[in-house]
């Protein structure tokens, strides 16, 4: 049992033993305060929720490093956590004792970040801090997690949401604007819904391209390439068990793969998609050197107009929506100028979103789309990857089987003009 003694200074010291049997004490101004604290402490000891008052004095930086070293996760996950810890958490909380981090301080930190960073970035930083402090709670360093109940910035979508490219737009605008060597990897994302790492993980042995055009072509996702700190490496299994899958190859992708195979003369173990030196492509290099310039050439990002002999006007908008322009002497320089400075723009991963939207809009059952996309949950397919197509009015009219200007009483045999993945002329 604990007890209270009066000190020579006239204060009152509460004494108790912690769960390990060690003697603990804390001094208070009045006997009433000491008694209340002692009663609460003995209750936590008996209930198994005791927290050592001195335990919370450990610095956050020290505890966070221990927490990070104890995690057993994928290399890419660990790299992401390390980056956020170094860039966002340690500058704010590194010198704080864990026990001094309170709910209001966390809310103020989140609010400040929300003025500068995207809601998704703020949420990921808060989630990491919450995970570390939840571990401190379980380790009896602190009594509760101060991250609980913190209000995060709303995850607002862009006005109108993402409008994915149709297959016609991919074939008529995007693919012709992509350099020939890299065109097949863009076609694989648009025509098979592959993730970036899945594209790079493909080997020619994973692709079945029968010589007879009447036979179905397929590709099998077996492995992926991951990129950490600018270095690409193979991972012998994909993101989830469901990600290991066989995907039908549409005609336009088949054509690109056949041409690419003739250019590369692959052996059975060779990578399908590499840079021109034969090494795995780095996402950042591809985005800067290939993807964004291709969007500009396709008219999907900014604008480049010829204004005279050796004069090209580059026009783009920044993150605030302000329009800028510059005069350059070559078309290539103008394209690179817009690609480097324009805000937003279609992401490579958005081709995967467009693939799912096209299949759902064409009437493919969601469980089938889920399987071909490699999702664990159908809700992921519907909620995250399916978007409203630009021609949704036509699709709705097609359900009723009447052209837009016909009477509802008139019978008509309606056929959708949506391109078919199995139609060689779809693109």
Protein backbone atom coordinates (compact mmCIF):
# COMPACT_ATOMS: atom_id res chain seq x y z
CA UNK A 1 0.00 0.00 0.00
CA UNK A 2 1.13 3.54 -0.63
CA UNK A 3 1.52 6.15 2.05
CA UNK A 4 1.90 9.91 2.47
CA UNK A 5 4.47 11.69 4.59
CA UNK A 6 4.93 15.34 5.41
CA UNK A 7 8.32 16.76 4.43
CA UNK A 8 10.37 19.25 6.47
CA UNK A 9 9.46 21.88 3.87
CA UNK A 10 5.77 21.50 4.72
CA UNK A 11 4.83 19.66 1.49
CA UNK A 12 3.40 16.14 1.23
CA UNK A 13 5.11 13.25 -0.50
CA UNK A 14 3.03 10.40 -1.97
CA UNK A 15 4.95 7.09 -1.92
CA UNK A 16 4.04 3.91 -3.82
CA UNK A 17 5.56 0.89 -5.52
CA UNK A 18 5.33 0.44 -9.29
CA UNK A 19 4.51 -2.95 -10.93
CA UNK A 20 8.21 -3.92 -10.79
CA UNK A 21 8.31 -3.34 -7.02
CA UNK A 22 10.47 -0.22 -7.21
CA UNK A 23 9.74 2.60 -4.77
CA UNK A 24 8.30 5.75 -6.38
CA UNK A 25 7.42 9.15 -4.94
CA UNK A 26 5.97 12.50 -5.94
CA UNK A 27 5.60 15.67 -3.85
CA UNK A 28 2.48 17.87 -3.66
CA UNK A 29 1.55 21.16 -1.98
CA UNK A 30 -1.37 19.71 0.03
CA UNK A 31 -2.21 16.34 1.59
CA UNK A 32 -5.49 16.29 -0.40
CA UNK A 33 -3.64 16.51 -3.75
CA UNK A 34 -1.19 13.82 -2.64
CA UNK A 35 -4.02 11.51 -1.55
CA UNK A 36 -5.91 11.96 -4.80
CA UNK A 37 -2.82 11.23 -6.88
CA UNK A 38 -1.90 8.22 -4.76
CA UNK A 39 -5.40 6.76 -5.08
CA UNK A 40 -5.39 7.20 -8.88
CA UNK A 41 -1.92 5.71 -9.16
CA UNK A 42 -2.76 2.64 -7.09
CA UNK A 43 -5.84 2.10 -9.26
CA UNK A 44 -3.73 2.08 -12.44
CA UNK A 45 -1.27 -0.34 -10.83
CA UNK A 46 -4.05 -2.76 -9.91
CA UNK A 47 -5.69 -2.45 -13.36
CA UNK A 48 -2.44 -2.91 -15.26
CA UNK A 49 -2.55 0.55 -16.85
CA UNK A 50 0.19 2.15 -14.77
CA UNK A 51 2.44 4.67 -16.52
CA UNK A 52 5.73 5.65 -14.94
CA UNK A 53 5.77 9.47 -14.60
CA UNK A 54 9.45 9.50 -15.61
CA UNK A 55 8.96 7.31 -18.69
CA UNK A 56 7.51 10.11 -20.81
CA UNK A 57 10.73 12.12 -20.48
CA UNK A 58 12.37 10.18 -23.34
CA UNK A 59 12.85 12.44 -26.38
CA UNK A 60 10.59 11.80 -29.35
CA UNK A 61 13.58 11.53 -31.70
CA UNK A 62 15.09 8.74 -29.61
CA UNK A 63 11.86 6.79 -29.34
CA UNK A 64 10.97 7.31 -33.03
CA UNK A 65 14.33 5.90 -34.16
CA UNK A 66 13.79 2.82 -31.97
CA UNK A 67 10.25 2.43 -33.30
CA UNK A 68 11.40 2.68 -36.91
CA UNK A 69 14.19 0.13 -36.38
CA UNK A 70 11.69 -2.33 -34.88
CA UNK A 71 9.33 -2.34 -37.88
CA UNK A 72 9.23 -5.29 -40.26
CA UNK A 73 7.66 -3.91 -43.43
CA UNK A 74 8.27 -3.67 -47.17
CA UNK A 75 11.33 -1.70 -48.24
CA UNK A 76 9.22 0.92 -50.00
CA UNK A 77 7.03 1.42 -46.92
CA UNK A 78 10.08 1.82 -44.69
CA UNK A 79 11.59 4.33 -47.11
CA UNK A 80 8.39 6.38 -47.09
CA UNK A 81 8.21 6.39 -43.29
CA UNK A 82 11.86 7.40 -43.01
CA UNK A 83 11.40 10.26 -45.45
CA UNK A 84 8.34 11.65 -43.63
CA UNK A 85 10.03 11.23 -40.25
CA UNK A 86 13.13 13.16 -41.32
CA UNK A 87 11.30 15.88 -43.26
CA UNK A 88 8.17 16.54 -41.16
CA UNK A 89 8.11 14.87 -37.74
CA UNK A 90 11.60 15.29 -36.32
CA UNK A 91 11.90 19.04 -37.12
CA UNK A 92 8.71 19.59 -35.07
CA UNK A 93 8.79 16.95 -32.34
CA UNK A 94 12.39 15.69 -32.21
CA UNK A 95 13.41 17.50 -29.01
CA UNK A 96 10.05 17.12 -27.24
CA UNK A 97 9.73 14.61 -24.40
CA UNK A 98 7.13 12.07 -25.50
CA UNK A 99 5.02 12.83 -22.44
CA UNK A 100 4.88 16.55 -23.28
CA UNK A 101 3.22 16.09 -26.68
CA UNK A 102 -0.40 17.03 -26.11
CA UNK A 103 -3.56 17.04 -28.23
CA UNK A 104 -3.62 20.81 -28.79
CA UNK A 105 0.02 20.90 -29.94
CA UNK A 106 -0.68 18.14 -32.47
CA UNK A 107 -3.78 19.95 -33.74
CA UNK A 108 -1.80 23.17 -34.20
CA UNK A 109 0.92 21.28 -36.10
CA UNK A 110 -1.62 19.64 -38.40
CA UNK A 111 -3.33 22.96 -39.08
CA UNK A 112 -0.02 24.63 -39.99
CA UNK A 113 0.89 21.83 -42.38
CA UNK A 114 -2.55 22.07 -43.97
CA UNK A 115 -1.75 25.61 -45.15
CA UNK A 116 1.27 24.41 -47.15
CA UNK A 117 0.80 20.74 -47.99
CA UNK A 118 -1.86 18.62 -49.65
CA UNK A 119 -4.50 16.98 -47.41
CA UNK A 120 -3.12 13.55 -48.32
CA UNK A 121 0.41 14.51 -47.22
CA UNK A 122 -0.88 15.98 -43.96
CA UNK A 123 -2.89 12.82 -43.29
CA UNK A 124 0.13 10.57 -43.91
CA UNK A 125 2.32 12.62 -41.53
CA UNK A 126 -0.38 12.56 -38.83
CA UNK A 127 -0.85 8.82 -39.30
CA UNK A 128 2.87 8.18 -38.81
CA UNK A 129 2.99 10.31 -35.64
CA UNK A 130 -0.12 8.54 -34.33
CA UNK A 131 1.42 5.11 -34.96
CA UNK A 132 4.60 6.03 -33.07
CA UNK A 133 2.71 7.48 -30.10
CA UNK A 134 0.28 4.53 -30.06
CA UNK A 135 3.33 2.32 -29.58
CA UNK A 136 4.40 4.60 -26.69
CA UNK A 137 0.97 4.05 -25.11
CA UNK A 138 1.34 0.28 -25.40
CA UNK A 139 4.83 0.59 -23.92
CA UNK A 140 3.39 2.43 -20.89
CA UNK A 141 5.41 5.56 -21.67
CA UNK A 142 2.32 7.75 -21.95
CA UNK A 143 -1.26 7.27 -20.81
CA UNK A 144 -3.06 8.14 -24.04
CA UNK A 145 -2.41 9.00 -27.69
CA UNK A 146 -2.66 12.78 -28.23
CA UNK A 147 -3.26 12.25 -31.96
CA UNK A 148 -6.72 10.81 -31.31
CA UNK A 149 -9.51 13.18 -32.25
CA UNK A 150 -7.30 15.58 -34.24
CA UNK A 151 -9.21 17.16 -37.15
CA UNK A 152 -7.45 16.70 -40.49
CA UNK A 153 -7.84 18.85 -43.61
CA UNK A 154 -10.70 17.69 -45.83
CA UNK A 155 -9.68 15.48 -48.74
CA UNK A 156 -11.19 17.61 -51.49
CA UNK A 157 -11.23 16.34 -55.03
CA UNK A 158 -10.50 18.59 -57.96
CA UNK A 159 -13.55 20.31 -59.43
CA UNK A 160 -15.32 17.81 -61.64
CA UNK A 161 -13.05 15.03 -60.41
CA UNK A 162 -10.69 13.06 -62.61
CA UNK A 163 -11.92 12.65 -66.18
CA UNK A 164 -9.92 9.68 -67.50
CA UNK A 165 -8.81 9.46 -71.10
CA UNK A 166 -10.97 7.35 -73.37
CA UNK A 167 -9.34 4.68 -75.51
CA UNK A 168 -9.81 6.95 -78.53
CA UNK A 169 -7.90 9.74 -76.77
CA UNK A 170 -5.14 7.33 -75.76
CA UNK A 171 -4.80 6.09 -79.34
CA UNK A 172 -5.24 9.38 -81.19
CA UNK A 173 -3.60 11.89 -78.82
CA UNK A 174 -1.33 10.29 -76.25
CA UNK A 175 0.41 7.31 -77.86
CA UNK A 176 1.52 9.18 -81.02
CA UNK A 177 3.07 11.83 -78.76
CA UNK A 178 5.15 9.32 -76.75
CA UNK A 179 8.65 8.46 -78.07
CA UNK A 180 8.55 5.15 -79.93
CA UNK A 181 10.78 3.30 -77.47
CA UNK A 182 8.53 4.14 -74.51
CA UNK A 183 5.17 3.83 -76.28
CA UNK A 184 4.62 0.16 -75.28
CA UNK A 185 4.86 0.86 -71.52
CA UNK A 186 2.21 3.58 -71.83
CA UNK A 187 0.04 1.20 -73.86
CA UNK A 188 0.44 -1.48 -71.14
CA UNK A 189 -0.91 0.89 -68.48
CA UNK A 190 -3.79 2.04 -70.70
CA UNK A 191 -4.67 -1.32 -72.24
CA UNK A 192 -3.99 -3.73 -69.36
CA UNK A 193 -4.33 -1.48 -66.30
CA UNK A 194 -0.86 -2.28 -65.01
CA UNK A 195 0.83 -0.35 -62.22
CA UNK A 196 4.21 1.23 -62.94
CA UNK A 197 6.12 -1.40 -60.97
CA UNK A 198 4.14 -4.20 -62.65
CA UNK A 199 5.04 -2.83 -66.09
CA UNK A 200 8.74 -2.82 -65.24
CA UNK A 201 8.54 -6.27 -63.67
CA UNK A 202 7.35 -7.91 -66.89
CA UNK A 203 9.62 -10.38 -68.68
CA UNK A 204 9.05 -11.59 -72.20
CA UNK A 205 8.38 -15.05 -70.77
CA UNK A 206 5.34 -13.49 -69.02
CA UNK A 207 3.77 -12.40 -72.32
CA UNK A 208 1.96 -14.81 -74.62
CA UNK A 209 1.66 -13.37 -78.15
CA UNK A 210 0.41 -16.17 -80.47
CA UNK A 211 1.37 -15.73 -84.12
CA UNK A 212 -2.24 -16.43 -85.06
CA UNK A 213 -4.12 -13.15 -84.56
CA UNK A 214 -7.31 -15.11 -83.87
CA UNK A 215 -5.81 -16.54 -80.69
CA UNK A 216 -6.00 -14.50 -77.51
CA UNK A 217 -2.88 -12.75 -76.27
CA UNK A 218 -2.28 -12.48 -72.51
CA UNK A 219 0.28 -11.20 -70.05
CA UNK A 220 0.92 -12.51 -66.54
CA UNK A 221 1.85 -10.29 -63.58
CA UNK A 222 4.30 -12.28 -61.45
CA UNK A 223 6.76 -9.74 -60.03
CA UNK A 224 7.33 -6.01 -59.74
CA UNK A 225 10.19 -3.52 -59.70
CA UNK A 226 10.43 -1.24 -56.68
CA UNK A 227 12.34 2.03 -56.45
CA UNK A 228 13.94 3.25 -53.23
CA UNK A 229 16.19 6.32 -53.02
CA UNK A 230 16.77 6.37 -56.75
CA UNK A 231 17.65 2.68 -57.06
CA UNK A 232 15.41 0.14 -58.81
CA UNK A 233 15.35 -3.50 -57.75
CA UNK A 234 13.22 -6.58 -58.41
CA UNK A 235 10.68 -7.88 -55.93
CA UNK A 236 9.73 -11.50 -56.71
CA UNK A 237 6.06 -11.00 -55.90
CA UNK A 238 3.53 -8.23 -56.64
CA UNK A 239 1.71 -5.89 -54.26
CA UNK A 240 -0.83 -8.45 -52.97
CA UNK A 241 -1.79 -12.05 -53.63
CA UNK A 242 -4.62 -10.81 -55.87
CA UNK A 243 -2.11 -8.76 -57.88
CA UNK A 244 -0.66 -11.98 -59.30
CA UNK A 245 -2.98 -12.34 -62.30
CA UNK A 246 -3.40 -13.01 -66.01
CA UNK A 247 -4.59 -10.04 -68.07
CA UNK A 248 -6.01 -10.16 -71.63
CA UNK A 249 -4.03 -8.08 -74.12
CA UNK A 250 -6.18 -5.84 -76.37
CA UNK A 251 -5.24 -5.51 -80.06
CA UNK A 252 -3.57 -2.10 -79.86
CA UNK A 253 -1.30 -3.25 -77.01
CA UNK A 254 -0.56 -6.46 -78.88
CA UNK A 255 0.64 -4.44 -81.89
CA UNK A 256 2.91 -2.31 -79.69
CA UNK A 257 4.37 -5.36 -77.93
CA UNK A 258 5.07 -7.18 -81.20
CA UNK A 259 6.89 -4.13 -82.58
CA UNK A 260 8.82 -3.70 -79.34
CA UNK A 261 9.87 -7.36 -79.32
CA UNK A 262 11.23 -7.00 -82.86
CA UNK A 263 13.27 -3.98 -81.75
CA UNK A 264 14.70 -5.59 -78.62
CA UNK A 265 15.23 -9.20 -79.78
CA UNK A 266 14.62 -10.52 -76.24
CA UNK A 267 15.73 -13.70 -74.61
CA UNK A 268 13.42 -15.54 -72.22
CA UNK A 269 14.63 -13.75 -69.09
CA UNK A 270 14.91 -10.26 -70.58
CA UNK A 271 12.93 -7.34 -69.26
CA UNK A 272 10.18 -6.05 -71.52
CA UNK A 273 10.40 -2.37 -70.55
CA UNK A 274 13.78 -0.74 -69.92
CA UNK A 275 15.57 2.46 -70.76
CA UNK A 276 17.54 2.40 -73.98
CA UNK A 277 20.62 1.24 -72.08
CA UNK A 278 18.73 -1.91 -71.03
CA UNK A 279 18.39 -0.96 -67.36
CA UNK A 280 15.16 -0.61 -65.35
CA UNK A 281 13.65 2.85 -65.78
CA UNK A 282 13.45 5.19 -62.80
CA UNK A 283 10.01 6.69 -62.25
CA UNK A 284 11.31 10.23 -61.70
CA UNK A 285 13.40 10.17 -64.88
CA UNK A 286 10.54 8.75 -66.93
CA UNK A 287 8.14 11.37 -65.59
CA UNK A 288 10.49 14.27 -66.31
CA UNK A 289 12.02 13.14 -69.60
CA UNK A 290 9.19 11.16 -71.24
CA UNK A 291 5.79 11.39 -69.60
CA UNK A 292 5.23 15.11 -69.04
CA UNK A 293 6.77 16.21 -72.39
CA UNK A 294 4.46 13.67 -74.07
CA UNK A 295 1.44 15.26 -72.37
CA UNK A 296 2.51 18.67 -73.69
CA UNK A 297 2.93 17.36 -77.24
CA UNK A 298 -0.49 15.68 -76.99
CA UNK A 299 -2.16 18.96 -75.96
CA UNK A 300 -2.99 17.57 -72.52
CA UNK A 301 -0.74 19.92 -70.53
CA UNK A 302 -0.16 23.59 -71.28
CA UNK A 303 0.25 24.76 -74.85
CA UNK A 304 3.06 25.30 -77.35
CA UNK A 305 2.35 27.45 -80.42
CA UNK A 306 4.66 28.46 -83.29
CA UNK A 307 4.67 32.26 -83.53
CA UNK A 308 7.29 32.74 -86.23
CA UNK A 309 10.54 31.38 -87.68
CA UNK A 310 12.37 29.74 -84.78
CA UNK A 311 9.89 31.25 -82.32
CA UNK A 312 7.64 29.15 -80.10
CA UNK A 313 5.37 30.44 -77.35
CA UNK A 314 5.10 28.17 -74.29
CA UNK A 315 1.99 28.75 -72.14
CA UNK A 316 1.15 27.08 -68.83
CA UNK A 317 -0.64 27.57 -65.51
CA UNK A 318 0.92 27.33 -62.06
CA UNK A 319 -0.59 25.85 -58.88
CA UNK A 320 -2.52 29.06 -58.22
CA UNK A 321 -4.10 28.96 -61.67
CA UNK A 322 -2.07 31.93 -62.93
CA UNK A 323 -1.18 31.75 -66.60
CA UNK A 324 2.43 32.25 -67.67
CA UNK A 325 4.15 32.26 -71.04
CA UNK A 326 7.64 32.39 -72.50
CA UNK A 327 9.21 32.63 -75.97
CA UNK A 328 11.75 29.96 -76.96
CA UNK A 329 13.65 29.23 -80.13
CA UNK A 330 12.86 25.50 -80.59
CA UNK A 331 9.75 23.39 -80.21
CA UNK A 332 11.68 20.92 -78.06
CA UNK A 333 12.78 23.64 -75.62
CA UNK A 334 9.23 25.02 -75.43
CA UNK A 335 7.82 21.57 -74.65
CA UNK A 336 10.43 20.98 -71.93
CA UNK A 337 9.71 24.45 -70.49
CA UNK A 338 5.99 23.72 -70.10
CA UNK A 339 6.58 20.18 -68.83
CA UNK A 340 8.85 21.47 -66.05
CA UNK A 341 6.66 24.38 -64.94
CA UNK A 342 3.00 23.49 -65.51
CA UNK A 343 1.03 22.38 -62.47
CA UNK A 344 -1.09 19.24 -62.41
CA UNK A 345 -1.44 17.11 -65.48
CA UNK A 346 -2.38 13.48 -66.03
CA UNK A 347 -0.38 10.98 -63.99
CA UNK A 348 0.91 7.70 -65.44
CA UNK A 349 -1.21 5.91 -62.81
CA UNK A 350 -4.31 7.68 -64.15
CA UNK A 351 -4.14 5.37 -67.17
CA UNK A 352 -4.96 2.53 -64.76
CA UNK A 353 -7.94 4.55 -63.49
CA UNK A 354 -9.07 5.06 -67.09
CA UNK A 355 -8.78 1.33 -67.78
CA UNK A 356 -11.07 0.48 -64.86
CA UNK A 357 -13.55 3.22 -65.79
CA UNK A 358 -13.72 2.01 -69.38
CA UNK A 359 -14.40 -1.60 -68.36
CA UNK A 360 -17.10 -0.67 -65.83
CA UNK A 361 -18.74 1.77 -68.26
CA UNK A 362 -18.74 -0.94 -70.94
CA UNK A 363 -20.74 -3.28 -68.72
CA UNK A 364 -18.00 -5.60 -67.46
CA UNK A 365 -19.12 -6.93 -64.02
CA UNK A 366 -17.30 -5.28 -61.14
CA UNK A 367 -16.02 -8.62 -59.79
CA UNK A 368 -14.35 -9.28 -63.15
CA UNK A 369 -12.81 -5.79 -63.21
CA UNK A 370 -11.63 -6.33 -59.63
CA UNK A 371 -9.88 -9.55 -60.70
CA UNK A 372 -8.19 -8.09 -63.78
CA UNK A 373 -7.07 -5.02 -61.79
CA UNK A 374 -5.63 -7.18 -58.99
CA UNK A 375 -7.66 -5.55 -56.18
CA UNK A 376 -8.37 -7.31 -52.90
CA UNK A 377 -11.71 -5.50 -52.45
CA UNK A 378 -14.35 -4.62 -55.04
CA UNK A 379 -14.92 -1.38 -53.11
CA UNK A 380 -11.42 -0.27 -54.12
CA UNK A 381 -12.31 -0.82 -57.77
CA UNK A 382 -15.55 1.15 -57.50
CA UNK A 383 -14.64 3.91 -55.05
CA UNK A 384 -11.07 4.73 -56.00
CA UNK A 385 -10.57 3.64 -59.59
CA UNK A 386 -13.90 4.16 -61.29
CA UNK A 387 -14.71 7.68 -62.46
CA UNK A 388 -17.49 9.34 -64.42
CA UNK A 389 -16.61 9.16 -68.13
CA UNK A 390 -16.88 12.33 -70.21
CA UNK A 391 -19.61 10.81 -72.40
CA UNK A 392 -21.84 9.60 -69.54
CA UNK A 393 -24.95 11.27 -71.07
CA UNK A 394 -24.64 9.08 -74.16
CA UNK A 395 -24.20 5.98 -71.99
CA UNK A 396 -27.33 6.79 -70.02
CA UNK A 397 -29.35 7.38 -73.20
CA UNK A 398 -28.04 4.08 -74.52
CA UNK A 399 -29.56 2.25 -71.52
CA UNK A 400 -33.02 3.28 -72.69
CA UNK A 401 -32.26 2.29 -76.27
CA UNK A 402 -33.19 5.61 -77.93
CA UNK A 403 -31.21 8.36 -79.65
CA UNK A 404 -31.36 11.72 -77.83
CA UNK A 405 -33.83 13.32 -80.27
CA UNK A 406 -36.27 10.38 -80.53
CA UNK A 407 -39.62 10.08 -78.80
CA UNK A 408 -39.78 7.73 -75.83
CA UNK A 409 -42.57 5.91 -77.62
CA UNK A 410 -40.47 5.07 -80.64
CA UNK A 411 -38.85 1.65 -80.81
CA UNK A 412 -35.27 1.62 -82.01
CA UNK A 413 -32.44 -0.85 -82.12
CA UNK A 414 -29.63 1.08 -80.41
CA UNK A 415 -26.02 0.08 -80.58
CA UNK A 416 -23.36 1.76 -78.47
CA UNK A 417 -20.50 3.36 -80.37
CA UNK A 418 -18.11 2.83 -77.48
CA UNK A 419 -14.91 1.22 -78.83
CA UNK A 420 -14.48 -2.46 -78.04
CA UNK A 421 -11.25 -3.78 -76.52
CA UNK A 422 -11.54 -6.68 -78.90
CA UNK A 423 -11.91 -4.46 -81.98
CA UNK A 424 -8.63 -3.82 -83.79
CA UNK A 425 -10.00 -0.46 -84.96
CA UNK A 426 -10.86 0.67 -81.43
CA UNK A 427 -7.81 2.89 -81.43
